[in-house]
Amino acid sequence: ACVEPLSIDDISETPNRMDAESDPPSENW
């Protein structure tokens, strides 16, 4: 396993993938 202890600061600095995936595309398709 790749295990590294995480702090609250580490978690808050990591972008949320779900938010990025749910944003509408910036270009007009």
Full PDB file with SEQRES, HELIX, SHEET, SSBOND, CRYST1, ORIGX, SCALE, CONECT and MASTER records, all heavy atoms in Angstrom:
SEQRES   1 A   29  ALA CYS VAL GLU PRO LEU SER ILE ASP ASP ILE SER GLU          
SEQRES   2 A   29  THR PRO ASN ARG MET ASP ALA GLU SER ASP PRO PRO SER          
SEQRES   3 A   29  GLU ASN TRP                                                  
HELIX    1 AA1 ILE A    8  GLU A   13  1                                   6    
HELIX    2 AA2 ARG A   17  SER A   22  1                                   6    
CRYST1    1.000    1.000    1.000  90.00  90.00  90.00 P 1           1          
ORIGX1      1.000000  0.000000  0.000000        0.00000                         
ORIGX2      0.000000  1.000000  0.000000        0.00000                         
ORIGX3      0.000000  0.000000  1.000000        0.00000                         
SCALE1      1.000000  0.000000  0.000000        0.00000                         
SCALE2      0.000000  1.000000  0.000000        0.00000                         
SCALE3      0.000000  0.000000  1.000000        0.00000                         
ATOM      1  N   ALA A   1       0.846  -1.191   0.000  1.00  0.00           N  
ATOM      2  CA  ALA A   1       0.000   0.000   0.000  1.00  0.00           C  
ATOM      3  C   ALA A   1       0.877   1.235   0.000  1.00  0.00           C  
ATOM      4  O   ALA A   1       1.972   1.235   0.568  1.00  0.00           O  
ATOM      5  CB  ALA A   1      -0.905   0.007   1.225  1.00  0.00           C  
ATOM      6  N   CYS A   2       0.406   2.264  -0.650  1.00  0.00           N  
ATOM      7  CA  CYS A   2       1.061   3.572  -0.603  1.00  0.00           C  
ATOM      8  C   CYS A   2       0.307   4.372   0.452  1.00  0.00           C  
ATOM      9  O   CYS A   2      -0.799   4.825   0.211  1.00  0.00           O  
ATOM     10  CB  CYS A   2       0.989   4.276  -1.947  1.00  0.00           C  
ATOM     11  SG  CYS A   2       1.875   3.420  -3.247  1.00  0.00           S  
ATOM     12  N   VAL A   3       0.907   4.488   1.606  1.00  0.00           N  
ATOM     13  CA  VAL A   3       0.217   5.125   2.726  1.00  0.00           C  
ATOM     14  C   VAL A   3       1.051   6.297   3.226  1.00  0.00           C  
ATOM     15  O   VAL A   3       2.244   6.162   3.460  1.00  0.00           O  
ATOM     16  CB  VAL A   3      -0.004   4.117   3.877  1.00  0.00           C  
ATOM     17  CG1 VAL A   3      -0.713   4.770   5.031  1.00  0.00           C  
ATOM     18  CG2 VAL A   3      -0.782   2.924   3.376  1.00  0.00           C  
ATOM     19  N   GLU A   4       0.391   7.412   3.380  1.00  0.00           N  
ATOM     20  CA  GLU A   4       1.038   8.594   3.930  1.00  0.00           C  
ATOM     21  C   GLU A   4       0.007   9.279   4.816  1.00  0.00           C  
ATOM     22  O   GLU A   4      -1.135   9.494   4.401  1.00  0.00           O  
ATOM     23  CB  GLU A   4       1.455   9.517   2.791  1.00  0.00           C  
ATOM     24  CG  GLU A   4       2.173  10.755   3.244  1.00  0.00           C  
ATOM     25  CD  GLU A   4       2.614  11.595   2.058  1.00  0.00           C  
ATOM     26  OE1 GLU A   4       3.164  11.043   1.104  1.00  0.00           O  
ATOM     27  OE2 GLU A   4       2.379  12.806   2.107  1.00  0.00           O  
ATOM     28  N   PRO A   5       0.368   9.599   6.047  1.00  0.00           N  
ATOM     29  CA  PRO A   5      -0.603  10.264   6.907  1.00  0.00           C  
ATOM     30  C   PRO A   5      -0.998  11.623   6.323  1.00  0.00           C  
ATOM     31  O   PRO A   5      -0.150  12.369   5.841  1.00  0.00           O  
ATOM     32  CB  PRO A   5       0.118  10.431   8.246  1.00  0.00           C  
ATOM     33  CG  PRO A   5       1.529  10.040   8.020  1.00  0.00           C  
ATOM     34  CD  PRO A   5       1.645   9.384   6.686  1.00  0.00           C  
ATOM     35  N   LEU A   6      -2.291  11.914   6.325  1.00  0.00           N  
ATOM     36  CA  LEU A   6      -2.801  13.176   5.803  1.00  0.00           C  
ATOM     37  C   LEU A   6      -3.331  14.038   6.924  1.00  0.00           C  
ATOM     38  O   LEU A   6      -3.963  13.546   7.850  1.00  0.00           O  
ATOM     39  CB  LEU A   6      -3.924  12.924   4.800  1.00  0.00           C  
ATOM     40  CG  LEU A   6      -3.554  12.213   3.511  1.00  0.00           C  
ATOM     41  CD1 LEU A   6      -4.800  11.945   2.683  1.00  0.00           C  
ATOM     42  CD2 LEU A   6      -2.574  13.050   2.713  1.00  0.00           C  
ATOM     43  N   SER A   7      -3.090  15.325   6.822  1.00  0.00           N  
ATOM     44  CA  SER A   7      -3.668  16.269   7.770  1.00  0.00           C  
ATOM     45  C   SER A   7      -4.841  16.974   7.095  1.00  0.00           C  
ATOM     46  O   SER A   7      -5.036  16.874   5.880  1.00  0.00           O  
ATOM     47  CB  SER A   7      -2.615  17.297   8.202  1.00  0.00           C  
ATOM     48  OG  SER A   7      -2.299  18.140   7.114  1.00  0.00           O  
ATOM     49  N   ILE A   8      -5.610  17.710   7.846  1.00  0.00           N  
ATOM     50  CA  ILE A   8      -6.730  18.466   7.289  1.00  0.00           C  
ATOM     51  C   ILE A   8      -6.220  19.468   6.258  1.00  0.00           C  
ATOM     52  O   ILE A   8      -6.844  19.678   5.223  1.00  0.00           O  
ATOM     53  CB  ILE A   8      -7.503  19.195   8.413  1.00  0.00           C  
ATOM     54  CG1 ILE A   8      -8.119  18.182   9.373  1.00  0.00           C  
ATOM     55  CG2 ILE A   8      -8.553  20.117   7.848  1.00  0.00           C  
ATOM     56  CD1 ILE A   8      -9.154  17.279   8.736  1.00  0.00           C  
ATOM     57  N   ASP A   9      -5.059  20.066   6.511  1.00  0.00           N  
ATOM     58  CA  ASP A   9      -4.482  21.023   5.561  1.00  0.00           C  
ATOM     59  C   ASP A   9      -4.167  20.355   4.225  1.00  0.00           C  
ATOM     60  O   ASP A   9      -4.395  20.932   3.166  1.00  0.00           O  
ATOM     61  CB  ASP A   9      -3.214  21.656   6.128  1.00  0.00           C  
ATOM     62  CG  ASP A   9      -3.492  22.530   7.345  1.00  0.00           C  
ATOM     63  OD1 ASP A   9      -4.631  23.043   7.457  1.00  0.00           O  
ATOM     64  OD2 ASP A   9      -2.587  22.691   8.179  1.00  0.00           O  
ATOM     65  N   ASP A  10      -3.636  19.135   4.264  1.00  0.00           N  
ATOM     66  CA  ASP A  10      -3.328  18.412   3.032  1.00  0.00           C  
ATOM     67  C   ASP A  10      -4.596  18.149   2.229  1.00  0.00           C  
ATOM     68  O   ASP A  10      -4.614  18.295   1.012  1.00  0.00           O  
ATOM     69  CB  ASP A  10      -2.650  17.075   3.328  1.00  0.00           C  
ATOM     70  CG  ASP A  10      -1.266  17.229   3.929  1.00  0.00           C  
ATOM     71  OD1 ASP A  10      -0.624  18.260   3.658  1.00  0.00           O  
ATOM     72  OD2 ASP A  10      -0.846  16.325   4.658  1.00  0.00           O  
ATOM     73  N   ILE A  11      -5.657  17.767   2.901  1.00  0.00           N  
ATOM     74  CA  ILE A  11      -6.913  17.441   2.228  1.00  0.00           C  
ATOM     75  C   ILE A  11      -7.527  18.698   1.619  1.00  0.00           C  
ATOM     76  O   ILE A  11      -8.016  18.671   0.492  1.00  0.00           O  
ATOM     77  CB  ILE A  11      -7.890  16.762   3.209  1.00  0.00           C  
ATOM     78  CG1 ILE A  11      -7.307  15.406   3.614  1.00  0.00           C  
ATOM     79  CG2 ILE A  11      -9.265  16.602   2.590  1.00  0.00           C  
ATOM     80  CD1 ILE A  11      -8.040  14.744   4.745  1.00  0.00           C  
ATOM     81  N   SER A  12      -7.491  19.813   2.331  1.00  0.00           N  
ATOM     82  CA  SER A  12      -8.108  21.036   1.820  1.00  0.00           C  
ATOM     83  C   SER A  12      -7.331  21.610   0.640  1.00  0.00           C  
ATOM     84  O   SER A  12      -7.887  22.313  -0.188  1.00  0.00           O  
ATOM     85  CB  SER A  12      -8.242  22.078   2.924  1.00  0.00           C  
ATOM     86  OG  SER A  12      -6.967  22.466   3.385  1.00  0.00           O  
ATOM     87  N   GLU A  13      -6.020  21.303   0.519  1.00  0.00           N  
ATOM     88  CA  GLU A  13      -5.218  21.787  -0.605  1.00  0.00           C  
ATOM     89  C   GLU A  13      -5.437  20.962  -1.863  1.00  0.00           C  
ATOM     90  O   GLU A  13      -5.171  21.425  -2.963  1.00  0.00           O  
ATOM     91  CB  GLU A  13      -3.737  21.757  -0.239  1.00  0.00           C  
ATOM     92  CG  GLU A  13      -3.353  22.774   0.806  1.00  0.00           C  
ATOM     93  CD  GLU A  13      -1.910  22.636   1.228  1.00  0.00           C  
ATOM     94  OE1 GLU A  13      -1.177  21.840   0.610  1.00  0.00           O  
ATOM     95  OE2 GLU A  13      -1.513  23.315   2.190  1.00  0.00           O  
ATOM     96  N   THR A  14      -5.937  19.751  -1.731  1.00  0.00           N  
ATOM     97  CA  THR A  14      -6.142  18.869  -2.867  1.00  0.00           C  
ATOM     98  C   THR A  14      -7.444  19.239  -3.559  1.00  0.00           C  
ATOM     99  O   THR A  14      -8.493  19.286  -2.925  1.00  0.00           O  
ATOM    100  CB  THR A  14      -6.206  17.397  -2.406  1.00  0.00           C  
ATOM    101  OG1 THR A  14      -5.023  17.106  -1.669  1.00  0.00           O  
ATOM    102  CG2 THR A  14      -6.324  16.457  -3.581  1.00  0.00           C  
ATOM    103  N   PRO A  15      -7.409  19.505  -4.872  1.00  0.00           N  
ATOM    104  CA  PRO A  15      -8.654  19.840  -5.567  1.00  0.00           C  
ATOM    105  C   PRO A  15      -9.601  18.648  -5.574  1.00  0.00           C  
ATOM    106  O   PRO A  15      -9.176  17.503  -5.680  1.00  0.00           O  
ATOM    107  CB  PRO A  15      -8.206  20.196  -6.979  1.00  0.00           C  
ATOM    108  CG  PRO A  15      -6.829  19.664  -7.116  1.00  0.00           C  
ATOM    109  CD  PRO A  15      -6.262  19.508  -5.740  1.00  0.00           C  
ATOM    110  N   ASN A  16     -10.861  18.934  -5.458  1.00  0.00           N  
ATOM    111  CA  ASN A  16     -11.876  17.890  -5.459  1.00  0.00           C  
ATOM    112  C   ASN A  16     -12.139  17.473  -6.897  1.00  0.00           C  
ATOM    113  O   ASN A  16     -12.589  18.269  -7.706  1.00  0.00           O  
ATOM    114  CB  ASN A  16     -13.156  18.405  -4.787  1.00  0.00           C  
ATOM    115  CG  ASN A  16     -14.187  17.323  -4.615  1.00  0.00           C  
ATOM    116  OD1 ASN A  16     -14.137  16.297  -5.280  1.00  0.00           O  
ATOM    117  ND2 ASN A  16     -15.113  17.556  -3.724  1.00  0.00           N  
ATOM    118  N   ARG A  17     -11.888  16.241  -7.234  1.00  0.00           N  
ATOM    119  CA  ARG A  17     -12.064  15.758  -8.598  1.00  0.00           C  
ATOM    120  C   ARG A  17     -13.514  15.827  -9.035  1.00  0.00           C  
ATOM    121  O   ARG A  17     -13.809  16.097 -10.174  1.00  0.00           O  
ATOM    122  CB  ARG A  17     -11.578  14.321  -8.718  1.00  0.00           C  
ATOM    123  CG  ARG A  17     -10.104  14.177  -8.597  1.00  0.00           C  
ATOM    124  CD  ARG A  17      -9.771  12.737  -8.521  1.00  0.00           C  
ATOM    125  NE  ARG A  17      -8.903  12.364  -9.607  1.00  0.00           N  
ATOM    126  CZ  ARG A  17      -8.538  11.132  -9.839  1.00  0.00           C  
ATOM    127  NH1 ARG A  17      -8.989  10.171  -9.113  1.00  0.00           N  
ATOM    128  NH2 ARG A  17      -7.729  10.854 -10.820  1.00  0.00           N  
ATOM    129  N   MET A  18     -14.427  15.553  -8.134  1.00  0.00           N  
ATOM    130  CA  MET A  18     -15.840  15.557  -8.497  1.00  0.00           C  
ATOM    131  C   MET A  18     -16.282  16.956  -8.913  1.00  0.00           C  
ATOM    132  O   MET A  18     -17.041  17.123  -9.846  1.00  0.00           O  
ATOM    133  CB  MET A  18     -16.695  15.044  -7.338  1.00  0.00           C  
ATOM    134  CG  MET A  18     -16.457  13.584  -7.008  1.00  0.00           C  
ATOM    135  SD  MET A  18     -16.745  12.483  -8.401  1.00  0.00           S  
ATOM    136  CE  MET A  18     -18.513  12.524  -8.459  1.00  0.00           C  
ATOM    137  N   ASP A  19     -15.794  17.988  -8.229  1.00  0.00           N  
ATOM    138  CA  ASP A  19     -16.142  19.357  -8.601  1.00  0.00           C  
ATOM    139  C   ASP A  19     -15.619  19.681  -9.992  1.00  0.00           C  
ATOM    140  O   ASP A  19     -16.302  20.291 -10.801  1.00  0.00           O  
ATOM    141  CB  ASP A  19     -15.582  20.358  -7.596  1.00  0.00           C  
ATOM    142  CG  ASP A  19     -16.291  20.293  -6.250  1.00  0.00           C  
ATOM    143  OD1 ASP A  19     -17.406  19.723  -6.197  1.00  0.00           O  
ATOM    144  OD2 ASP A  19     -15.734  20.802  -5.262  1.00  0.00           O  
ATOM    145  N   ALA A  20     -14.398  19.265 -10.282  1.00  0.00           N  
ATOM    146  CA  ALA A  20     -13.805  19.554 -11.578  1.00  0.00           C  
ATOM    147  C   ALA A  20     -14.531  18.817 -12.700  1.00  0.00           C  
ATOM    148  O   ALA A  20     -14.714  19.340 -13.788  1.00  0.00           O  
ATOM    149  CB  ALA A  20     -12.331  19.170 -11.578  1.00  0.00           C  
ATOM    150  N   GLU A  21     -15.000  17.600 -12.443  1.00  0.00           N  
ATOM    151  CA  GLU A  21     -15.685  16.817 -13.464  1.00  0.00           C  
ATOM    152  C   GLU A  21     -17.093  17.310 -13.706  1.00  0.00           C  
ATOM    153  O   GLU A  21     -17.635  17.160 -14.789  1.00  0.00           O  
ATOM    154  CB  GLU A  21     -15.704  15.344 -13.066  1.00  0.00           C  
ATOM    155  CG  GLU A  21     -14.327  14.709 -13.114  1.00  0.00           C  
ATOM    156  CD  GLU A  21     -14.319  13.292 -12.565  1.00  0.00           C  
ATOM    157  OE1 GLU A  21     -15.394  12.793 -12.192  1.00  0.00           O  
ATOM    158  OE2 GLU A  21     -13.230  12.701 -12.509  1.00  0.00           O  
ATOM    159  N   SER A  22     -17.726  17.926 -12.706  1.00  0.00           N  
ATOM    160  CA  SER A  22     -19.115  18.343 -12.865  1.00  0.00           C  
ATOM    161  C   SER A  22     -19.254  19.744 -13.439  1.00  0.00           C  
ATOM    162  O   SER A  22     -20.331  20.156 -13.813  1.00  0.00           O  
ATOM    163  CB  SER A  22     -19.839  18.263 -11.517  1.00  0.00           C  
ATOM    164  OG  SER A  22     -19.252  19.167 -10.606  1.00  0.00           O  
ATOM    165  N   ASP A  23     -18.137  20.500 -13.546  1.00  0.00           N  
ATOM    166  CA  ASP A  23     -18.197  21.833 -14.129  1.00  0.00           C  
ATOM    167  C   ASP A  23     -18.510  21.718 -15.613  1.00  0.00           C  
ATOM    168  O   ASP A  23     -17.982  20.843 -16.303  1.00  0.00           O  
ATOM    169  CB  ASP A  23     -16.863  22.565 -13.959  1.00  0.00           C  
ATOM    170  CG  ASP A  23     -16.609  22.960 -12.510  1.00  0.00           C  
ATOM    171  OD1 ASP A  23     -17.588  22.972 -11.726  1.00  0.00           O  
ATOM    172  OD2 ASP A  23     -15.444  23.228 -12.170  1.00  0.00           O  
ATOM    173  N   PRO A  24     -19.335  22.631 -16.134  1.00  0.00           N  
ATOM    174  CA  PRO A  24     -19.613  22.578 -17.576  1.00  0.00           C  
ATOM    175  C   PRO A  24     -18.375  22.969 -18.365  1.00  0.00           C  
ATOM    176  O   PRO A  24     -17.524  23.702 -17.873  1.00  0.00           O  
ATOM    177  CB  PRO A  24     -20.722  23.618 -17.760  1.00  0.00           C  
ATOM    178  CG  PRO A  24     -20.655  24.492 -16.567  1.00  0.00           C  
ATOM    179  CD  PRO A  24     -20.058  23.676 -15.460  1.00  0.00           C  
ATOM    180  N   PRO A  25     -18.233  22.475 -19.585  1.00  0.00           N  
ATOM    181  CA  PRO A  25     -17.059  22.823 -20.389  1.00  0.00           C  
ATOM    182  C   PRO A  25     -17.038  24.315 -20.669  1.00  0.00           C  
ATOM    183  O   PRO A  25     -18.062  24.948 -20.826  1.00  0.00           O  
ATOM    184  CB  PRO A  25     -17.223  22.019 -21.676  1.00  0.00           C  
ATOM    185  CG  PRO A  25     -18.557  21.381 -21.620  1.00  0.00           C  
ATOM    186  CD  PRO A  25     -19.130  21.568 -20.269  1.00  0.00           C  
ATOM    187  N   SER A  26     -15.826  24.863 -20.762  1.00  0.00           N  
ATOM    188  CA  SER A  26     -15.685  26.292 -20.966  1.00  0.00           C  
ATOM    189  C   SER A  26     -15.868  26.667 -22.436  1.00  0.00           C  
ATOM    190  O   SER A  26     -16.135  27.812 -22.754  1.00  0.00           O  
ATOM    191  CB  SER A  26     -14.328  26.771 -20.468  1.00  0.00           C  
ATOM    192  OG  SER A  26     -13.314  26.077 -21.158  1.00  0.00           O  
ATOM    193  N   GLU A  27     -15.734  25.728 -23.339  1.00  0.00           N  
ATOM    194  CA  GLU A  27     -15.899  26.012 -24.757  1.00  0.00           C  
ATOM    195  C   GLU A  27     -17.322  25.712 -25.180  1.00  0.00           C  
ATOM    196  O   GLU A  27     -17.999  24.887 -24.613  1.00  0.00           O  
ATOM    197  CB  GLU A  27     -14.936  25.145 -25.573  1.00  0.00           C  
ATOM    198  CG  GLU A  27     -13.484  25.417 -25.276  1.00  0.00           C  
ATOM    199  CD  GLU A  27     -12.586  24.496 -26.063  1.00  0.00           C  
ATOM    200  OE1 GLU A  27     -13.046  23.904 -27.057  1.00  0.00           O  
ATOM    201  OE2 GLU A  27     -11.419  24.355 -25.684  1.00  0.00           O  
ATOM    202  N   ASN A  28     -17.743  26.369 -26.234  1.00  0.00           N  
ATOM    203  CA  ASN A  28     -19.073  26.112 -26.792  1.00  0.00           C  
ATOM    204  C   ASN A  28     -18.956  25.004 -27.825  1.00  0.00           C  
ATOM    205  O   ASN A  28     -18.420  25.208 -28.902  1.00  0.00           O  
ATOM    206  CB  ASN A  28     -19.651  27.397 -27.398  1.00  0.00           C  
ATOM    207  CG  ASN A  28     -21.083  27.202 -27.857  1.00  0.00           C  
ATOM    208  OD1 ASN A  28     -21.607  26.091 -27.784  1.00  0.00           O  
ATOM    209  ND2 ASN A  28     -21.680  28.260 -28.335  1.00  0.00           N  
ATOM    210  N   TRP A  29     -19.453  23.823 -27.513  1.00  0.00           N  
ATOM    211  CA  TRP A  29     -19.313  22.656 -28.387  1.00  0.00           C  
ATOM    212  C   TRP A  29     -20.378  22.611 -29.470  1.00  0.00           C  
ATOM    213  O   TRP A  29     -20.350  21.791 -30.336  1.00  0.00           O  
ATOM    214  CB  TRP A  29     -19.372  21.378 -27.559  1.00  0.00           C  
ATOM    215  CG  TRP A  29     -18.206  21.254 -26.644  1.00  0.00           C  
ATOM    216  CD1 TRP A  29     -18.138  21.621 -25.349  1.00  0.00           C  
ATOM    217  CD2 TRP A  29     -16.908  20.766 -26.979  1.00  0.00           C  
ATOM    218  NE1 TRP A  29     -16.894  21.383 -24.822  1.00  0.00           N  
ATOM    219  CE2 TRP A  29     -16.108  20.852 -25.828  1.00  0.00           C  
ATOM    220  CE3 TRP A  29     -16.331  20.261 -28.127  1.00  0.00           C  
ATOM    221  CZ2 TRP A  29     -14.785  20.464 -25.790  1.00  0.00           C  
ATOM    222  CZ3 TRP A  29     -15.011  19.861 -28.097  1.00  0.00           C  
ATOM    223  CH2 TRP A  29     -14.258  19.973 -26.948  1.00  0.00           C  
TER     224      TRP A  29                                                      
MASTER        0    0    0    2    0    0    0    6  223    1    0    3          
END                                                                             
